[in-house]
Amino acid sequence: MLKRFAYAIGFATVCVAAGFFLATGWNAPAPGIAQPTGNTQTTTASLPDYPINEQGESPFVAVAEEVKPVVVNISADKVLTGHPEIPFELFDWGPFFGQPPEGRRSPRVPHVTSGGSGIIIDAEGFILTNNHMVSDAGDITVKLSDGATLKAKVIGADPETDVALIKVDHKFTPEMVARLGDSDKIRTGEWAIAVGNPFGLDWTVTVGVISARGRSNLRIGGEQGPSYQDFIQTDASINFGNSGGPLVNIHGEVIGINTAINAQGQGIGFAIPINLARDIMFQLKTSGEVKRGYLGIYTGELTDIKKEALGLDAGLTGVLVEGAQEKTPAAEGGLKGGEVITEINGLPVKDVSDFRFRIASYKPGSDVELTLLIDSKEKRIKFKLADRGDFVPVAGASPEPSEGWLAWKLHPPKVGWVHRWGWTIWRERWSCG
């Protein structure tokens, strides 16, 4: 009996102690929460470390507020060239509609309205956008951030860089004019903010970084894509309707014009560097067209295997001359193929894209001095550049039938330097500069 009484007393004591412990917590540390040691301020590791300003706001708020007024929404009514006309006879007017209205019995040409963005770059009404936004457009409407709509006209366009300049009859206030930055100074990893009208969603802001610079050889718009490509790559979300809108830095300066996306991959968008667009803009504003110098050579990248075949240093940079177009400065200056161009006016040439951009940056009639390697011997020759516009219709032609995008293929021996091994072991897409 006494033993049972002792067990009951012990059990009750344990229950009372357990209840007291649960009620008070006994100052025990909570599981899974780090306790402060000297510093009463705690941190939460799961929260991302977003940049904030002194007011506790994201710096993107100020950028968005500054950039919004400089961005416009562009609607362009276009004729679908290359499509057959639609005859009205295909429409069954039926007993309720009678006959087609007078004056509309002729076949209809199909139209489409495209939407995109633009950047106000001048208080006098000038707006930068993409050529593909306004090309073949009969009616262009610009919508401002305050909701006002204006009609615009094309001042000039440059399909080879996909830049266009349009104008509205309106005076803009200073805060509605974009501040242009220096795209040559941007670095991979810097903040990038895209502003535009994707899918008709007005004045959308997306944030990312500069993913890469100097992207080229992109199949944009099929074979009719820009000839001169030096794109900024960004993972700031760019979608249909962003075309022509600004890519800006963390200071609100425009560093690029949003132009293209990679439909197969998310977070891969491309923008035209603003320094390139600015040069085009000045020419379009002055004369309505862009003039470029032209040498007239077919160029190839100076790959490691080509350097080895020519006995050149592995670290040498430049471009390979694979042929000269007839009746051009290159042909008249004696270039035939097999030469390596290492410098333009004393400055090194990096690759084909660099060479083409630099030749095109000179005005027609300019004198340029090329440093050439011919049979491993250095030689300097001066050329007077022609007008690219005089040769554009045949500039894309190849000396031989093209075989598409095959990069490597064996060919029978021919005459020339590339056959010192008895075979030509490469074949690349022709590019002319």
Protein backbone atom coordinates (compact mmCIF):
# COMPACT_ATOMS: atom_id res chain seq x y z
CA MET A 1 0.00 0.00 0.00
CA LEU A 2 2.80 2.39 0.95
CA LYS A 3 4.62 1.50 -2.27
CA ARG A 4 1.60 2.42 -4.40
CA PHE A 5 1.24 5.69 -2.52
CA ALA A 6 4.91 6.53 -3.18
CA TYR A 7 4.51 5.80 -6.91
CA ALA A 8 1.46 8.09 -7.07
CA ILE A 9 3.32 10.93 -5.30
CA GLY A 10 6.28 10.56 -7.70
CA PHE A 11 4.10 10.54 -10.79
CA ALA A 12 2.26 13.66 -9.62
CA THR A 13 5.56 15.44 -8.97
CA VAL A 14 6.79 14.67 -12.47
CA CYS A 15 3.56 15.93 -14.04
CA VAL A 16 3.67 19.18 -12.02
CA ALA A 17 7.32 19.76 -13.04
CA ALA A 18 6.58 19.09 -16.69
CA GLY A 19 3.63 21.46 -16.66
CA PHE A 20 5.70 24.20 -15.02
CA PHE A 21 8.48 23.75 -17.63
CA LEU A 22 6.05 23.95 -20.57
CA ALA A 23 4.30 26.99 -19.16
CA THR A 24 7.41 29.06 -18.46
CA GLY A 25 9.76 27.80 -21.17
CA TRP A 26 12.40 27.64 -18.38
CA ASN A 27 14.38 30.23 -20.48
CA ALA A 28 15.32 27.47 -22.90
CA PRO A 29 16.45 28.58 -26.39
CA ALA A 30 13.95 28.06 -29.18
CA PRO A 31 15.03 25.28 -31.49
CA GLY A 32 16.54 26.32 -34.84
CA ILE A 33 16.86 30.07 -34.00
CA ALA A 34 20.31 31.53 -33.42
CA GLN A 35 20.58 33.55 -30.24
CA PRO A 36 22.23 36.99 -30.24
CA THR A 37 25.70 37.14 -28.76
CA GLY A 38 26.41 40.68 -27.66
CA ASN A 39 24.59 42.23 -30.67
CA THR A 40 20.82 42.43 -30.32
CA GLN A 41 20.33 42.91 -34.14
CA THR A 42 19.44 39.67 -35.88
CA THR A 43 19.76 38.81 -39.56
CA THR A 44 17.72 36.52 -41.77
CA ALA A 45 19.86 34.61 -44.25
CA SER A 46 16.92 33.63 -46.46
CA LEU A 47 16.22 37.22 -47.63
CA PRO A 48 18.03 38.29 -50.85
CA ASP A 49 20.49 41.14 -50.48
CA TYR A 50 18.84 43.66 -52.81
CA PRO A 51 20.46 47.09 -53.07
CA ILE A 52 18.54 49.84 -51.32
CA ASN A 53 19.03 53.58 -50.99
CA GLU A 54 19.07 55.71 -47.84
CA GLN A 55 15.27 55.81 -47.81
CA GLY A 56 15.11 52.02 -47.85
CA GLU A 57 13.88 51.91 -51.47
CA SER A 58 15.24 49.96 -54.39
CA PRO A 59 17.30 52.27 -56.66
CA PHE A 60 15.27 50.93 -59.58
CA VAL A 61 12.30 52.97 -58.36
CA ALA A 62 14.09 56.24 -59.13
CA VAL A 63 15.32 54.90 -62.48
CA ALA A 64 11.82 53.83 -63.50
CA GLU A 65 10.35 57.19 -62.54
CA GLU A 66 12.99 59.06 -64.53
CA VAL A 67 12.87 56.87 -67.63
CA LYS A 68 9.11 56.43 -67.99
CA PRO A 69 8.46 59.86 -69.58
CA VAL A 70 11.14 59.33 -72.26
CA VAL A 71 9.60 56.07 -73.52
CA VAL A 72 6.79 56.11 -76.08
CA ASN A 73 4.43 53.44 -77.36
CA ILE A 74 4.55 53.08 -81.16
CA SER A 75 1.84 51.55 -83.35
CA ALA A 76 2.59 51.13 -87.06
CA ASP A 77 0.11 50.07 -89.73
CA LYS A 78 2.01 48.01 -92.30
CA VAL A 79 1.27 46.44 -95.66
CA LEU A 80 2.26 42.77 -95.74
CA THR A 81 4.55 42.79 -98.75
CA GLY A 82 5.01 39.49 -100.52
CA HIS A 83 1.52 38.28 -99.58
CA PRO A 84 -1.19 37.79 -102.21
CA GLU A 85 -4.01 40.28 -102.37
CA ILE A 86 -7.32 39.20 -100.83
CA PRO A 87 -10.18 39.46 -103.33
CA PHE A 88 -13.50 40.67 -101.93
CA GLU A 89 -15.20 37.84 -103.84
CA LEU A 90 -13.94 35.45 -101.18
CA PHE A 91 -16.32 37.08 -98.68
CA ASP A 92 -19.88 35.78 -98.80
CA TRP A 93 -21.88 38.98 -98.39
CA GLY A 94 -25.14 36.99 -98.20
CA PRO A 95 -28.72 38.29 -98.41
CA PHE A 96 -28.33 40.61 -95.42
CA PHE A 97 -25.31 42.55 -96.68
CA GLY A 98 -26.10 42.93 -100.37
CA GLN A 99 -23.19 43.82 -102.64
CA PRO A 100 -19.73 45.04 -101.60
CA PRO A 101 -19.61 48.82 -101.09
CA GLU A 102 -18.79 50.90 -104.13
CA GLY A 103 -15.10 51.68 -104.36
CA ARG A 104 -14.16 48.53 -102.45
CA ARG A 105 -14.68 45.98 -105.18
CA SER A 106 -10.96 45.73 -105.89
CA PRO A 107 -8.84 43.16 -104.06
CA ARG A 108 -7.63 44.11 -100.58
CA VAL A 109 -3.95 44.16 -99.66
CA PRO A 110 -3.43 42.53 -96.24
CA HIS A 111 -2.38 44.89 -93.44
CA VAL A 112 -1.03 44.33 -89.95
CA THR A 113 -0.52 46.69 -87.01
CA SER A 114 2.75 46.21 -85.17
CA GLY A 115 3.41 47.54 -81.69
CA GLY A 116 6.67 48.56 -80.10
CA SER A 117 8.52 51.28 -78.26
CA GLY A 118 10.66 54.33 -78.89
CA ILE A 119 12.99 56.75 -77.09
CA ILE A 120 12.58 60.54 -77.12
CA ILE A 121 16.06 61.89 -77.83
CA ASP A 122 15.38 65.51 -78.73
CA ALA A 123 13.05 68.24 -77.48
CA GLU A 124 12.15 69.02 -81.10
CA GLY A 125 10.20 65.77 -81.44
CA PHE A 126 12.80 63.23 -82.61
CA ILE A 127 12.37 59.63 -81.47
CA LEU A 128 14.75 56.67 -81.86
CA THR A 129 13.35 53.21 -82.55
CA ASN A 130 14.03 50.08 -84.61
CA ASN A 131 13.86 50.01 -88.38
CA HIS A 132 11.83 46.81 -88.29
CA MET A 133 9.22 48.69 -86.25
CA VAL A 134 8.46 51.36 -88.87
CA SER A 135 9.66 49.94 -92.20
CA ASP A 136 6.87 49.78 -94.81
CA ALA A 137 4.55 51.57 -92.39
CA GLY A 138 1.89 53.82 -93.86
CA ASP A 139 0.55 55.18 -90.60
CA ILE A 140 2.60 55.60 -87.39
CA THR A 141 1.01 56.59 -84.08
CA VAL A 142 3.01 57.55 -81.00
CA LYS A 143 1.48 57.42 -77.52
CA LEU A 144 3.19 59.43 -74.76
CA SER A 145 3.40 58.50 -71.09
CA ASP A 146 0.68 61.05 -70.28
CA GLY A 147 -1.72 59.32 -72.68
CA ALA A 148 -1.49 61.84 -75.54
CA THR A 149 -1.33 60.35 -79.06
CA LEU A 150 0.54 61.90 -82.00
CA LYS A 151 1.15 61.03 -85.63
CA ALA A 152 4.78 60.45 -86.61
CA LYS A 153 6.76 60.40 -89.85
CA VAL A 154 9.95 58.54 -90.68
CA ILE A 155 12.97 60.85 -91.00
CA GLY A 156 15.32 58.07 -92.01
CA ALA A 157 16.08 54.40 -91.41
CA ASP A 158 19.10 52.14 -91.57
CA PRO A 159 18.21 48.47 -92.11
CA GLU A 160 21.86 47.45 -91.78
CA THR A 161 21.86 48.33 -88.07
CA ASP A 162 18.06 48.21 -87.51
CA VAL A 163 17.98 51.85 -86.35
CA ALA A 164 15.28 54.33 -87.39
CA LEU A 165 14.56 57.97 -86.57
CA ILE A 166 10.98 59.25 -86.53
CA LYS A 167 9.55 62.65 -85.65
CA VAL A 168 6.35 64.04 -84.19
CA ASP A 169 5.13 67.62 -84.39
CA HIS A 170 5.48 68.29 -80.67
CA LYS A 171 7.83 70.09 -78.27
CA PHE A 172 9.03 67.94 -75.40
CA THR A 173 9.95 69.20 -71.95
CA PRO A 174 13.51 68.49 -70.69
CA GLU A 175 12.37 65.69 -68.37
CA MET A 176 10.87 63.88 -71.38
CA VAL A 177 14.20 63.76 -73.23
CA ALA A 178 16.42 60.74 -72.59
CA ARG A 179 19.92 61.04 -71.17
CA LEU A 180 22.29 59.01 -73.36
CA GLY A 181 25.12 57.11 -71.70
CA ASP A 182 28.38 55.65 -73.04
CA SER A 183 27.91 52.05 -74.15
CA ASP A 184 31.66 51.63 -74.65
CA LYS A 185 32.13 51.84 -70.89
CA ILE A 186 29.61 49.23 -69.80
CA ARG A 187 30.90 46.03 -68.21
CA THR A 188 29.53 42.53 -67.99
CA GLY A 189 27.64 42.09 -64.74
CA GLU A 190 26.41 45.69 -64.42
CA TRP A 191 22.74 46.35 -63.77
CA ALA A 192 20.54 46.68 -66.85
CA ILE A 193 16.94 47.95 -66.84
CA ALA A 194 14.66 47.50 -69.85
CA VAL A 195 11.61 49.72 -70.33
CA GLY A 196 8.98 49.25 -73.01
CA ASN A 197 5.55 48.01 -73.96
CA PRO A 198 5.72 44.20 -74.14
CA PHE A 199 2.56 42.54 -75.45
CA GLY A 200 0.80 45.91 -75.23
CA LEU A 201 1.44 46.25 -71.49
CA ASP A 202 2.39 49.91 -71.36
CA TRP A 203 5.58 51.11 -69.66
CA THR A 204 6.79 47.82 -68.22
CA VAL A 205 10.09 47.79 -66.30
CA THR A 206 12.29 44.69 -66.07
CA VAL A 207 15.67 44.33 -64.37
CA GLY A 208 18.72 42.20 -65.08
CA VAL A 209 22.40 42.56 -65.85
CA ILE A 210 24.66 43.03 -68.84
CA SER A 211 25.28 39.40 -69.80
CA ALA A 212 27.83 40.01 -72.57
CA ARG A 213 29.02 42.55 -75.12
CA GLY A 214 29.89 42.43 -78.80
CA ARG A 215 27.45 39.71 -79.85
CA SER A 216 27.36 39.27 -83.63
CA ASN A 217 26.51 36.76 -86.36
CA LEU A 218 22.99 36.38 -84.97
CA ARG A 219 20.24 35.12 -87.28
CA ILE A 220 17.81 37.96 -86.57
CA GLY A 221 14.90 38.33 -88.96
CA GLY A 222 16.22 35.60 -91.26
CA GLU A 223 18.47 36.68 -94.09
CA GLN A 224 17.13 40.25 -93.84
CA GLY A 225 18.63 40.84 -90.40
CA PRO A 226 21.07 43.65 -89.58
CA SER A 227 24.35 43.45 -91.50
CA TYR A 228 26.29 45.22 -88.74
CA GLN A 229 25.89 43.56 -85.36
CA ASP A 230 27.57 44.52 -82.10
CA PHE A 231 24.79 43.69 -79.67
CA ILE A 232 24.63 44.03 -75.91
CA GLN A 233 23.26 40.81 -74.40
CA THR A 234 21.10 41.10 -71.29
CA ASP A 235 18.92 38.91 -69.11
CA ALA A 236 16.58 41.81 -68.35
CA SER A 237 13.31 40.45 -69.73
CA ILE A 238 12.69 41.65 -73.31
CA ASN A 239 9.54 40.56 -75.13
CA PHE A 240 7.53 41.42 -78.23
CA GLY A 241 6.70 45.10 -77.95
CA ASN A 242 9.96 46.02 -76.21
CA SER A 243 11.58 46.62 -79.60
CA GLY A 244 12.82 50.19 -79.89
CA GLY A 245 12.65 50.85 -76.15
CA PRO A 246 15.64 51.76 -73.97
CA LEU A 247 18.05 49.59 -72.07
CA VAL A 248 19.34 51.84 -69.28
CA ASN A 249 21.98 51.63 -66.57
CA ILE A 250 21.52 52.14 -62.83
CA HIS A 251 21.96 55.90 -63.36
CA GLY A 252 19.01 56.10 -65.76
CA GLU A 253 21.21 56.67 -68.82
CA VAL A 254 20.24 54.95 -72.07
CA ILE A 255 22.97 52.47 -73.05
CA GLY A 256 21.12 50.54 -75.74
CA ILE A 257 18.00 50.10 -77.90
CA ASN A 258 16.18 46.83 -77.22
CA THR A 259 15.99 44.94 -80.49
CA ALA A 260 15.76 41.15 -80.39
CA ILE A 261 15.17 38.09 -78.26
CA ASN A 262 16.18 34.48 -78.47
CA ALA A 263 12.86 32.67 -78.70
CA GLN A 264 14.46 29.38 -77.62
CA GLY A 265 15.90 30.71 -74.38
CA GLN A 266 14.57 32.79 -71.52
CA GLY A 267 16.67 35.67 -70.31
CA ILE A 268 18.52 36.18 -73.60
CA GLY A 269 17.80 39.56 -75.16
CA PHE A 270 19.84 41.89 -77.33
CA ALA A 271 20.17 45.66 -77.62
CA ILE A 272 21.95 47.96 -80.08
CA PRO A 273 24.70 49.92 -78.26
CA ILE A 274 23.66 53.54 -77.94
CA ASN A 275 27.03 54.79 -79.23
CA LEU A 276 26.39 52.98 -82.52
CA ALA A 277 22.79 54.21 -82.64
CA ARG A 278 23.90 57.78 -81.86
CA ASP A 279 26.23 57.88 -84.87
CA ILE A 280 23.45 56.56 -87.11
CA MET A 281 20.99 59.03 -85.60
CA PHE A 282 23.16 62.04 -86.45
CA GLN A 283 23.43 60.95 -90.10
CA LEU A 284 19.71 60.25 -90.38
CA LYS A 285 18.86 63.59 -88.78
CA THR A 286 21.19 65.46 -91.13
CA SER A 287 20.59 63.73 -94.46
CA GLY A 288 17.96 61.03 -93.93
CA GLU A 289 20.38 58.28 -94.94
CA VAL A 290 23.58 56.57 -93.83
CA LYS A 291 26.72 56.59 -95.97
CA ARG A 292 29.39 53.94 -95.40
CA GLY A 293 32.82 53.33 -96.82
CA TYR A 294 33.37 50.18 -98.84
CA LEU A 295 36.52 48.23 -99.65
CA GLY A 296 35.07 45.21 -101.44
CA ILE A 297 36.73 42.12 -100.00
CA TYR A 298 35.39 38.75 -98.89
CA THR A 299 36.72 38.15 -95.41
CA GLY A 300 37.23 35.11 -93.23
CA GLU A 301 38.11 34.69 -89.58
CA LEU A 302 41.78 34.06 -88.89
CA THR A 303 41.36 30.76 -87.06
CA ASP A 304 44.14 28.77 -85.40
CA ILE A 305 44.23 26.22 -88.20
CA LYS A 306 44.57 28.98 -90.80
CA LYS A 307 47.39 30.60 -88.83
CA GLU A 308 49.16 27.26 -88.70
CA ALA A 309 48.68 26.75 -92.43
CA LEU A 310 50.15 30.20 -93.13
CA GLY A 311 52.97 29.86 -90.63
CA LEU A 312 51.73 32.80 -88.55
CA ASP A 313 52.11 33.40 -84.82
CA ALA A 314 49.30 31.91 -82.75
CA GLY A 315 48.68 35.26 -81.02
CA LEU A 316 48.27 37.26 -84.24
CA THR A 317 44.91 38.95 -84.79
CA GLY A 318 43.39 40.12 -88.03
CA VAL A 319 41.22 38.95 -90.92
CA LEU A 320 41.89 36.75 -93.91
CA VAL A 321 41.22 38.08 -97.42
CA GLU A 322 39.42 35.29 -99.28
CA GLY A 323 38.72 37.26 -102.42
CA ALA A 324 38.07 40.71 -103.89
CA GLN A 325 34.89 41.93 -105.54
CA GLU A 326 35.32 43.15 -109.09
CA LYS A 327 35.60 46.89 -109.76
CA THR A 328 36.02 47.76 -106.09
CA PRO A 329 38.91 49.54 -104.33
CA ALA A 330 40.18 46.15 -103.12
CA ALA A 331 40.38 44.69 -106.64
CA GLU A 332 41.87 47.86 -108.09
CA GLY A 333 44.45 47.90 -105.29
CA GLY A 334 45.65 44.42 -106.16
CA LEU A 335 44.03 42.27 -103.44
CA LYS A 336 43.24 38.81 -104.78
CA GLY A 337 42.98 36.53 -101.76
CA GLY A 338 45.44 35.01 -99.33
CA GLU A 339 46.48 38.29 -97.72
CA VAL A 340 46.04 38.85 -93.98
CA ILE A 341 44.95 42.31 -92.81
CA THR A 342 46.36 43.09 -89.36
CA GLU A 343 45.88 46.88 -89.05
CA ILE A 344 43.71 49.74 -90.30
CA ASN A 345 45.48 53.11 -90.15
CA GLY A 346 47.97 51.68 -87.66
CA LEU A 347 45.40 50.23 -85.25
CA PRO A 348 45.15 46.44 -84.80
CA VAL A 349 42.23 44.51 -86.30
CA LYS A 350 40.62 42.03 -83.89
CA ASP A 351 38.31 39.99 -86.12
CA VAL A 352 35.92 40.15 -89.08
CA SER A 353 33.22 42.06 -87.19
CA ASP A 354 35.73 44.65 -85.99
CA PHE A 355 37.14 45.04 -89.51
CA ARG A 356 33.72 45.52 -91.15
CA PHE A 357 32.54 48.03 -88.55
CA ARG A 358 35.68 50.12 -88.84
CA ILE A 359 35.69 50.21 -92.65
CA ALA A 360 31.99 51.15 -92.60
CA SER A 361 32.67 53.94 -90.09
CA TYR A 362 34.66 55.86 -92.72
CA LYS A 363 32.87 58.03 -95.22
CA PRO A 364 33.02 57.18 -98.94
CA GLY A 365 36.11 58.72 -100.50
CA SER A 366 38.19 58.38 -97.32
CA ASP A 367 41.77 57.14 -97.58
CA VAL A 368 42.69 54.19 -95.37
CA GLU A 369 46.02 52.44 -95.00
CA LEU A 370 45.96 48.69 -94.47
CA THR A 371 48.83 46.68 -93.01
CA LEU A 372 48.97 43.36 -94.83
CA LEU A 373 50.88 40.13 -94.44
CA ILE A 374 51.65 38.66 -97.86
CA ASP A 375 53.70 35.45 -97.77
CA SER A 376 54.62 36.36 -94.18
CA LYS A 377 56.02 39.73 -95.31
CA GLU A 378 54.49 42.95 -94.01
CA LYS A 379 53.29 45.51 -96.53
CA ARG A 380 51.25 48.73 -96.27
CA ILE A 381 48.82 49.76 -99.02
CA LYS A 382 46.51 52.79 -99.20
CA PHE A 383 42.98 52.52 -100.55
CA LYS A 384 40.32 55.13 -101.33
CA LEU A 385 37.01 53.74 -100.09
CA ALA A 386 33.97 53.56 -102.33
CA ASP A 387 30.32 54.09 -101.35
CA ARG A 388 28.80 50.91 -99.94
CA GLY A 389 25.44 51.95 -101.38
CA ASP A 390 26.84 51.47 -104.89
CA PHE A 391 27.64 47.81 -104.18
CA VAL A 392 25.01 46.64 -101.70
CA PRO A 393 22.91 44.77 -104.34
CA VAL A 394 25.85 42.45 -105.02
CA ALA A 395 27.67 42.73 -101.71
CA GLY A 396 26.24 39.47 -100.42
CA ALA A 397 27.15 37.45 -103.49
CA SER A 398 29.77 34.76 -103.13
CA PRO A 399 32.51 34.12 -105.69
CA GLU A 400 31.31 30.51 -105.78
CA PRO A 401 27.98 28.82 -105.03
CA SER A 402 27.33 29.00 -101.31
CA GLU A 403 26.92 25.82 -99.31
CA GLY A 404 24.97 27.32 -96.44
CA TRP A 405 26.33 27.19 -92.92
CA LEU A 406 28.62 24.18 -93.24
CA ALA A 407 31.83 25.15 -91.48
CA TRP A 408 34.04 22.25 -92.49
CA LYS A 409 34.19 20.42 -95.79
CA LEU A 410 36.85 18.94 -98.07
CA HIS A 411 37.26 20.39 -101.55
CA PRO A 412 39.50 19.44 -104.48
CA PRO A 413 42.81 21.32 -104.74
CA LYS A 414 42.77 24.71 -106.43
CA VAL A 415 45.35 27.36 -107.15
CA GLY A 416 46.27 29.56 -104.23
CA TRP A 417 47.84 29.77 -100.80
CA VAL A 418 45.16 27.73 -99.07
CA HIS A 419 46.21 24.64 -100.96
CA ARG A 420 49.78 24.28 -99.81
CA TRP A 421 48.57 21.08 -98.11
CA GLY A 422 46.80 20.03 -101.29
CA TRP A 423 43.26 20.49 -99.94
CA THR A 424 41.06 23.29 -98.80
CA ILE A 425 39.80 22.11 -95.44
CA TRP A 426 37.33 24.83 -94.54
CA ARG A 427 34.42 26.61 -95.95
CA GLU A 428 32.79 29.56 -94.22
CA ARG A 429 29.91 31.87 -94.94
CA TRP A 430 31.10 34.83 -97.00
CA SER A 431 31.01 38.30 -95.51
CA CYS A 432 31.95 41.40 -97.40
CA GLY A 433 33.43 44.65 -96.11
